[in-house]
């Protein structure tokens, strides 16, 4: 009877232990992925020159906005050496999203300002 009770307790302990450790690993991976995403956003803000995209939006108008929407930014691979695959995926996804959002926003603002300026000039020209 004691043997069956001890065997049952050992079975329960060993069946519960992997669940707890895998949950801890998942929490660790999630925290690492969140850290990677935050680092990627910070790096994207530092790497993407918003002023360049703004002036490109002014000078090239719709073409720059389309380019910013279609072309995916290059992720700097030198910062990902020796990192886990989950970290690399989280970093790359967050970097691309942040860099592309900066590109789109600033080129669209530049395009809007250029369009407004052309519209004002056309209005002023029509008055004379």
N, C-alpha and C. Protein backbone atom coordinates (compact mmCIF):
# COMPACT_ATOMS: atom_id res chain seq x y z
N UNK A 1 0.82 -1.19 0.00
CA UNK A 1 0.00 0.00 0.00
C UNK A 1 0.87 1.26 0.00
N UNK A 2 1.93 1.27 0.87
CA UNK A 2 2.81 2.43 0.92
C UNK A 2 3.55 2.61 -0.40
N UNK A 3 3.94 1.52 -0.98
CA UNK A 3 4.65 1.60 -2.26
C UNK A 3 3.79 2.25 -3.33
N UNK A 4 2.52 1.87 -3.38
CA UNK A 4 1.62 2.46 -4.37
C UNK A 4 1.42 3.96 -4.11
N UNK A 5 1.33 4.35 -2.84
CA UNK A 5 1.16 5.75 -2.48
C UNK A 5 2.40 6.56 -2.86
N UNK A 6 3.58 6.02 -2.57
CA UNK A 6 4.84 6.71 -2.90
C UNK A 6 4.99 6.80 -4.42
N UNK A 7 4.68 5.72 -5.12
CA UNK A 7 4.77 5.72 -6.58
C UNK A 7 3.80 6.74 -7.17
N UNK A 8 2.60 6.83 -6.61
CA UNK A 8 1.61 7.79 -7.08
C UNK A 8 2.09 9.22 -6.85
N UNK A 9 2.66 9.52 -5.68
CA UNK A 9 3.17 10.86 -5.38
C UNK A 9 4.35 11.23 -6.28
N UNK A 10 5.25 10.27 -6.50
CA UNK A 10 6.39 10.52 -7.39
C UNK A 10 5.89 10.80 -8.81
N UNK A 11 4.90 10.07 -9.25
CA UNK A 11 4.34 10.27 -10.58
C UNK A 11 3.71 11.67 -10.70
N UNK A 12 3.01 12.09 -9.68
CA UNK A 12 2.39 13.43 -9.70
C UNK A 12 3.47 14.51 -9.72
N UNK A 13 4.49 14.36 -8.89
CA UNK A 13 5.55 15.37 -8.83
C UNK A 13 6.26 15.48 -10.17
N UNK A 14 6.58 14.35 -10.80
CA UNK A 14 7.29 14.39 -12.08
C UNK A 14 6.39 14.86 -13.22
N UNK A 15 5.10 14.65 -13.13
CA UNK A 15 4.23 15.11 -14.21
C UNK A 15 3.94 16.60 -14.11
N UNK A 16 4.00 17.17 -12.90
CA UNK A 16 3.74 18.60 -12.72
C UNK A 16 5.00 19.43 -12.96
N UNK A 17 6.15 18.93 -12.65
CA UNK A 17 7.40 19.67 -12.74
C UNK A 17 7.70 20.18 -14.15
N UNK A 18 7.58 19.40 -15.22
CA UNK A 18 7.85 19.94 -16.54
C UNK A 18 6.93 21.09 -16.93
N UNK A 19 5.68 21.06 -16.49
CA UNK A 19 4.76 22.14 -16.81
C UNK A 19 5.21 23.45 -16.19
N UNK A 20 5.67 23.39 -14.98
CA UNK A 20 6.11 24.61 -14.31
C UNK A 20 7.36 25.15 -14.97
N UNK A 21 8.33 24.29 -15.27
CA UNK A 21 9.57 24.77 -15.87
C UNK A 21 9.35 25.28 -17.28
N UNK A 22 8.47 24.66 -18.06
CA UNK A 22 8.20 25.16 -19.41
C UNK A 22 7.47 26.50 -19.34
N UNK A 23 6.63 26.69 -18.31
CA UNK A 23 5.96 27.97 -18.15
C UNK A 23 6.98 29.04 -17.80
N UNK A 24 7.96 28.71 -16.97
CA UNK A 24 9.00 29.67 -16.64
C UNK A 24 9.84 30.00 -17.86
N UNK A 25 10.13 29.01 -18.68
CA UNK A 25 10.89 29.25 -19.90
C UNK A 25 10.09 30.15 -20.84
N UNK A 26 8.79 29.90 -20.95
CA UNK A 26 7.96 30.74 -21.81
C UNK A 26 7.94 32.18 -21.33
N UNK A 27 7.83 32.38 -20.02
CA UNK A 27 7.85 33.73 -19.47
C UNK A 27 9.19 34.41 -19.75
N UNK A 28 10.27 33.64 -19.65
CA UNK A 28 11.60 34.19 -19.93
C UNK A 28 11.71 34.57 -21.40
N UNK A 29 11.24 33.70 -22.29
CA UNK A 29 11.30 34.00 -23.72
C UNK A 29 10.45 35.22 -24.06
N UNK A 30 9.29 35.33 -23.44
CA UNK A 30 8.43 36.48 -23.69
C UNK A 30 9.11 37.76 -23.24
N UNK A 31 9.74 37.73 -22.08
CA UNK A 31 10.44 38.93 -21.61
C UNK A 31 11.62 39.26 -22.52
N UNK A 32 12.30 38.24 -23.03
CA UNK A 32 13.41 38.48 -23.96
C UNK A 32 12.90 39.06 -25.28
N UNK A 33 11.77 38.58 -25.75
CA UNK A 33 11.20 39.09 -26.99
C UNK A 33 10.71 40.53 -26.82
N UNK A 34 10.16 40.85 -25.66
CA UNK A 34 9.75 42.23 -25.39
C UNK A 34 10.96 43.15 -25.33
N UNK A 35 12.03 42.69 -24.71
CA UNK A 35 13.26 43.48 -24.65
C UNK A 35 13.84 43.67 -26.04
N UNK A 36 13.80 42.63 -26.86
CA UNK A 36 14.30 42.72 -28.24
C UNK A 36 13.48 43.72 -29.04
N UNK A 37 12.16 43.69 -28.87
CA UNK A 37 11.29 44.62 -29.60
C UNK A 37 11.55 46.06 -29.18
N UNK A 38 11.73 46.29 -27.90
CA UNK A 38 12.00 47.65 -27.42
C UNK A 38 13.36 48.14 -27.93
N UNK A 39 14.36 47.27 -27.91
CA UNK A 39 15.68 47.64 -28.43
C UNK A 39 15.60 47.93 -29.93
N UNK A 40 14.81 47.14 -30.65
CA UNK A 40 14.67 47.35 -32.09
C UNK A 40 14.00 48.68 -32.39
N UNK A 41 12.97 49.02 -31.63
CA UNK A 41 12.31 50.31 -31.85
C UNK A 41 13.26 51.47 -31.58
N UNK A 42 14.03 51.35 -30.53
CA UNK A 42 15.01 52.40 -30.20
C UNK A 42 16.06 52.51 -31.30
N UNK A 43 16.54 51.37 -31.79
CA UNK A 43 17.54 51.39 -32.87
C UNK A 43 16.95 51.95 -34.16
N UNK A 44 15.72 51.62 -34.46
CA UNK A 44 15.08 52.12 -35.68
C UNK A 44 14.93 53.64 -35.61
N UNK A 45 14.53 54.15 -34.44
CA UNK A 45 14.41 55.61 -34.30
C UNK A 45 15.76 56.29 -34.47
N UNK A 46 16.83 55.62 -34.05
CA UNK A 46 18.17 56.20 -34.19
C UNK A 46 18.69 56.07 -35.63
N UNK A 47 18.33 54.99 -36.31
CA UNK A 47 18.89 54.71 -37.64
C UNK A 47 18.16 55.44 -38.77
N UNK A 48 16.86 55.54 -38.70
CA UNK A 48 16.08 56.13 -39.79
C UNK A 48 16.15 57.65 -39.68
N UNK A 49 16.57 58.28 -40.75
CA UNK A 49 16.67 59.73 -40.78
C UNK A 49 15.33 60.30 -41.26
N UNK A 50 14.54 60.76 -40.32
CA UNK A 50 13.20 61.26 -40.63
C UNK A 50 13.26 62.51 -41.50
N UNK A 51 14.27 63.32 -41.31
CA UNK A 51 14.39 64.54 -42.10
C UNK A 51 14.59 64.23 -43.58
N UNK A 52 15.37 63.20 -43.87
CA UNK A 52 15.57 62.78 -45.26
C UNK A 52 14.24 62.34 -45.88
N UNK A 53 13.46 61.56 -45.14
CA UNK A 53 12.17 61.10 -45.67
C UNK A 53 11.19 62.26 -45.81
N UNK A 54 11.28 63.24 -44.92
CA UNK A 54 10.42 64.41 -45.01
C UNK A 54 10.71 65.18 -46.31
N UNK A 55 12.00 65.46 -46.57
CA UNK A 55 12.35 66.20 -47.78
C UNK A 55 12.12 65.37 -49.04
N UNK A 56 12.28 64.06 -48.93
CA UNK A 56 11.95 63.20 -50.08
C UNK A 56 10.45 63.26 -50.36
N UNK A 57 9.64 63.32 -49.31
CA UNK A 57 8.20 63.47 -49.49
C UNK A 57 7.84 64.79 -50.14
N UNK A 58 8.58 65.85 -49.79
CA UNK A 58 8.34 67.15 -50.41
C UNK A 58 8.72 67.12 -51.88
N UNK A 59 9.89 66.57 -52.19
CA UNK A 59 10.39 66.65 -53.57
C UNK A 59 9.80 65.59 -54.50
N UNK A 60 9.57 64.40 -54.01
CA UNK A 60 9.09 63.32 -54.89
C UNK A 60 7.62 62.99 -54.69
N UNK A 61 6.99 63.61 -53.72
CA UNK A 61 5.56 63.49 -53.45
C UNK A 61 5.09 62.05 -53.31
N UNK A 62 4.15 61.66 -54.13
CA UNK A 62 3.47 60.38 -53.99
C UNK A 62 4.43 59.20 -54.17
N UNK A 63 5.44 59.36 -54.99
CA UNK A 63 6.37 58.27 -55.23
C UNK A 63 7.12 57.88 -53.96
N UNK A 64 7.49 58.87 -53.17
CA UNK A 64 8.18 58.58 -51.92
C UNK A 64 7.25 57.89 -50.94
N UNK A 65 6.03 58.34 -50.87
CA UNK A 65 5.05 57.72 -49.96
C UNK A 65 4.81 56.27 -50.37
N UNK A 66 4.66 56.02 -51.67
CA UNK A 66 4.49 54.64 -52.15
C UNK A 66 5.72 53.79 -51.85
N UNK A 67 6.89 54.35 -52.06
CA UNK A 67 8.13 53.63 -51.77
C UNK A 67 8.21 53.30 -50.28
N UNK A 68 7.84 54.24 -49.43
CA UNK A 68 7.88 54.00 -47.99
C UNK A 68 6.90 52.90 -47.58
N UNK A 69 5.79 52.78 -48.28
CA UNK A 69 4.81 51.74 -47.98
C UNK A 69 5.23 50.37 -48.49
N UNK A 70 5.87 50.33 -49.65
CA UNK A 70 6.14 49.07 -50.32
C UNK A 70 7.46 48.43 -49.89
N UNK A 71 8.51 49.22 -49.81
CA UNK A 71 9.85 48.67 -49.57
C UNK A 71 10.06 48.44 -48.07
N UNK A 72 10.52 47.24 -47.75
CA UNK A 72 10.78 46.87 -46.35
C UNK A 72 12.18 47.34 -45.96
N UNK A 73 12.31 48.01 -44.82
CA UNK A 73 13.62 48.47 -44.38
C UNK A 73 14.57 47.31 -44.07
N UNK A 74 15.85 47.56 -44.25
CA UNK A 74 16.87 46.55 -43.97
C UNK A 74 17.16 46.54 -42.47
N UNK A 75 17.17 45.35 -41.89
CA UNK A 75 17.46 45.19 -40.47
C UNK A 75 18.97 45.05 -40.31
N UNK A 76 19.60 45.81 -39.40
CA UNK A 76 21.04 45.70 -39.21
C UNK A 76 21.40 44.37 -38.54
N UNK A 77 22.00 43.48 -39.31
CA UNK A 77 22.30 42.14 -38.81
C UNK A 77 23.48 42.10 -37.85
N UNK A 78 24.32 43.13 -37.88
CA UNK A 78 25.49 43.12 -37.01
C UNK A 78 25.10 43.17 -35.53
N UNK A 79 23.92 43.65 -35.23
CA UNK A 79 23.48 43.72 -33.84
C UNK A 79 22.81 42.43 -33.37
N UNK A 80 22.64 41.49 -34.28
CA UNK A 80 21.93 40.26 -33.95
C UNK A 80 22.84 39.05 -33.82
N UNK A 81 24.14 39.26 -33.91
CA UNK A 81 25.08 38.15 -33.84
C UNK A 81 25.03 37.50 -32.46
N UNK A 82 24.89 36.19 -32.44
CA UNK A 82 24.91 35.44 -31.20
C UNK A 82 23.60 35.44 -30.43
N UNK A 83 22.54 35.96 -31.01
CA UNK A 83 21.25 36.01 -30.34
C UNK A 83 20.41 34.79 -30.71
N UNK A 84 19.43 34.47 -29.89
CA UNK A 84 18.56 33.32 -30.15
C UNK A 84 17.63 33.62 -31.33
N UNK A 85 17.12 32.58 -31.98
CA UNK A 85 16.21 32.79 -33.10
C UNK A 85 14.95 33.58 -32.72
N UNK A 86 14.43 33.34 -31.53
CA UNK A 86 13.24 34.08 -31.09
C UNK A 86 13.57 35.56 -30.92
N UNK A 87 14.74 35.86 -30.39
CA UNK A 87 15.18 37.25 -30.22
C UNK A 87 15.34 37.91 -31.58
N UNK A 88 15.98 37.21 -32.51
CA UNK A 88 16.20 37.76 -33.86
C UNK A 88 14.87 38.05 -34.55
N UNK A 89 13.92 37.12 -34.45
CA UNK A 89 12.61 37.33 -35.09
C UNK A 89 11.87 38.52 -34.49
N UNK A 90 11.87 38.60 -33.17
CA UNK A 90 11.18 39.71 -32.50
C UNK A 90 11.85 41.04 -32.84
N UNK A 91 13.17 41.06 -32.85
CA UNK A 91 13.92 42.28 -33.16
C UNK A 91 13.64 42.72 -34.60
N UNK A 92 13.74 41.77 -35.53
CA UNK A 92 13.56 42.10 -36.95
C UNK A 92 12.14 42.62 -37.22
N UNK A 93 11.15 41.98 -36.65
CA UNK A 93 9.77 42.41 -36.86
C UNK A 93 9.53 43.81 -36.30
N UNK A 94 9.98 44.05 -35.08
CA UNK A 94 9.77 45.36 -34.47
C UNK A 94 10.56 46.45 -35.19
N UNK A 95 11.79 46.13 -35.61
CA UNK A 95 12.61 47.11 -36.32
C UNK A 95 11.95 47.51 -37.64
N UNK A 96 11.50 46.52 -38.39
CA UNK A 96 10.85 46.81 -39.68
C UNK A 96 9.59 47.65 -39.49
N UNK A 97 8.78 47.28 -38.51
CA UNK A 97 7.54 48.02 -38.28
C UNK A 97 7.82 49.47 -37.89
N UNK A 98 8.76 49.67 -36.96
CA UNK A 98 9.06 51.03 -36.50
C UNK A 98 9.70 51.87 -37.60
N UNK A 99 10.67 51.30 -38.32
CA UNK A 99 11.34 52.04 -39.39
C UNK A 99 10.36 52.37 -40.51
N UNK A 100 9.51 51.43 -40.86
CA UNK A 100 8.55 51.70 -41.92
C UNK A 100 7.52 52.73 -41.48
N UNK A 101 7.13 52.71 -40.22
CA UNK A 101 6.17 53.71 -39.73
C UNK A 101 6.78 55.11 -39.77
N UNK A 102 8.04 55.23 -39.40
CA UNK A 102 8.72 56.54 -39.45
C UNK A 102 8.81 57.01 -40.90
N UNK A 103 9.19 56.12 -41.79
CA UNK A 103 9.29 56.47 -43.22
C UNK A 103 7.94 56.94 -43.76
N UNK A 104 6.90 56.16 -43.49
CA UNK A 104 5.57 56.51 -44.01
C UNK A 104 5.09 57.84 -43.47
N UNK A 105 5.20 58.01 -42.16
CA UNK A 105 4.67 59.22 -41.53
C UNK A 105 5.38 60.47 -42.03
N UNK A 106 6.71 60.46 -42.01
CA UNK A 106 7.43 61.67 -42.39
C UNK A 106 7.32 61.96 -43.88
N UNK A 107 7.31 60.93 -44.73
CA UNK A 107 7.15 61.19 -46.17
C UNK A 107 5.74 61.68 -46.48
N UNK A 108 4.75 61.17 -45.75
CA UNK A 108 3.38 61.63 -45.96
C UNK A 108 3.21 63.09 -45.50
N UNK A 109 3.86 63.45 -44.41
CA UNK A 109 3.82 64.85 -43.97
C UNK A 109 4.48 65.76 -45.00
N UNK A 110 5.64 65.34 -45.51
CA UNK A 110 6.32 66.12 -46.55
C UNK A 110 5.48 66.25 -47.81
N UNK A 111 4.85 65.16 -48.19
CA UNK A 111 4.00 65.18 -49.38
C UNK A 111 2.79 66.10 -49.16
N UNK A 112 2.21 66.05 -47.98
CA UNK A 112 1.07 66.92 -47.67
C UNK A 112 1.45 68.39 -47.68
N UNK A 113 2.61 68.70 -47.12
CA UNK A 113 3.07 70.10 -47.13
C UNK A 113 3.35 70.57 -48.55
N UNK A 114 3.98 69.71 -49.35
CA UNK A 114 4.24 70.09 -50.74
C UNK A 114 2.94 70.28 -51.50
N UNK A 115 1.97 69.40 -51.27
CA UNK A 115 0.68 69.54 -51.94
C UNK A 115 -0.04 70.81 -51.53
N UNK A 116 0.03 71.12 -50.23
CA UNK A 116 -0.60 72.36 -49.75
C UNK A 116 0.09 73.59 -50.34
N UNK A 117 1.41 73.54 -50.42
CA UNK A 117 2.15 74.67 -51.00
C UNK A 117 1.80 74.85 -52.47
N UNK A 118 1.74 73.78 -53.21
CA UNK A 118 1.38 73.87 -54.63
C UNK A 118 -0.05 74.37 -54.77
N UNK A 119 -0.94 73.90 -53.92
CA UNK A 119 -2.32 74.37 -53.96
C UNK A 119 -2.43 75.86 -53.66
N UNK A 120 -1.67 76.33 -52.67
CA UNK A 120 -1.67 77.78 -52.36
C UNK A 120 -1.09 78.59 -53.50
N UNK A 121 -0.02 78.10 -54.09
CA UNK A 121 0.57 78.82 -55.22
C UNK A 121 -0.38 78.84 -56.41
N UNK A 122 -1.07 77.74 -56.65
CA UNK A 122 -2.03 77.71 -57.75
C UNK A 122 -3.18 78.66 -57.48
N UNK A 123 -3.63 78.73 -56.25
CA UNK A 123 -4.69 79.67 -55.90
C UNK A 123 -4.23 81.11 -56.07
N UNK A 124 -3.02 81.41 -55.57
CA UNK A 124 -2.50 82.77 -55.73
C UNK A 124 -2.29 83.13 -57.18
N UNK A 125 -1.82 82.19 -57.98
CA UNK A 125 -1.61 82.46 -59.40
C UNK A 125 -2.93 82.72 -60.12
N UNK A 126 -3.98 82.05 -59.68
CA UNK A 126 -5.28 82.23 -60.34
C UNK A 126 -5.91 83.57 -59.98
N UNK A 127 -5.44 84.19 -58.92
CA UNK A 127 -5.98 85.48 -58.49
C UNK A 127 -5.45 86.65 -59.32
N UNK A 128 -4.35 86.45 -60.00
CA UNK A 128 -3.76 87.53 -60.79
C UNK A 128 -4.06 87.40 -62.23
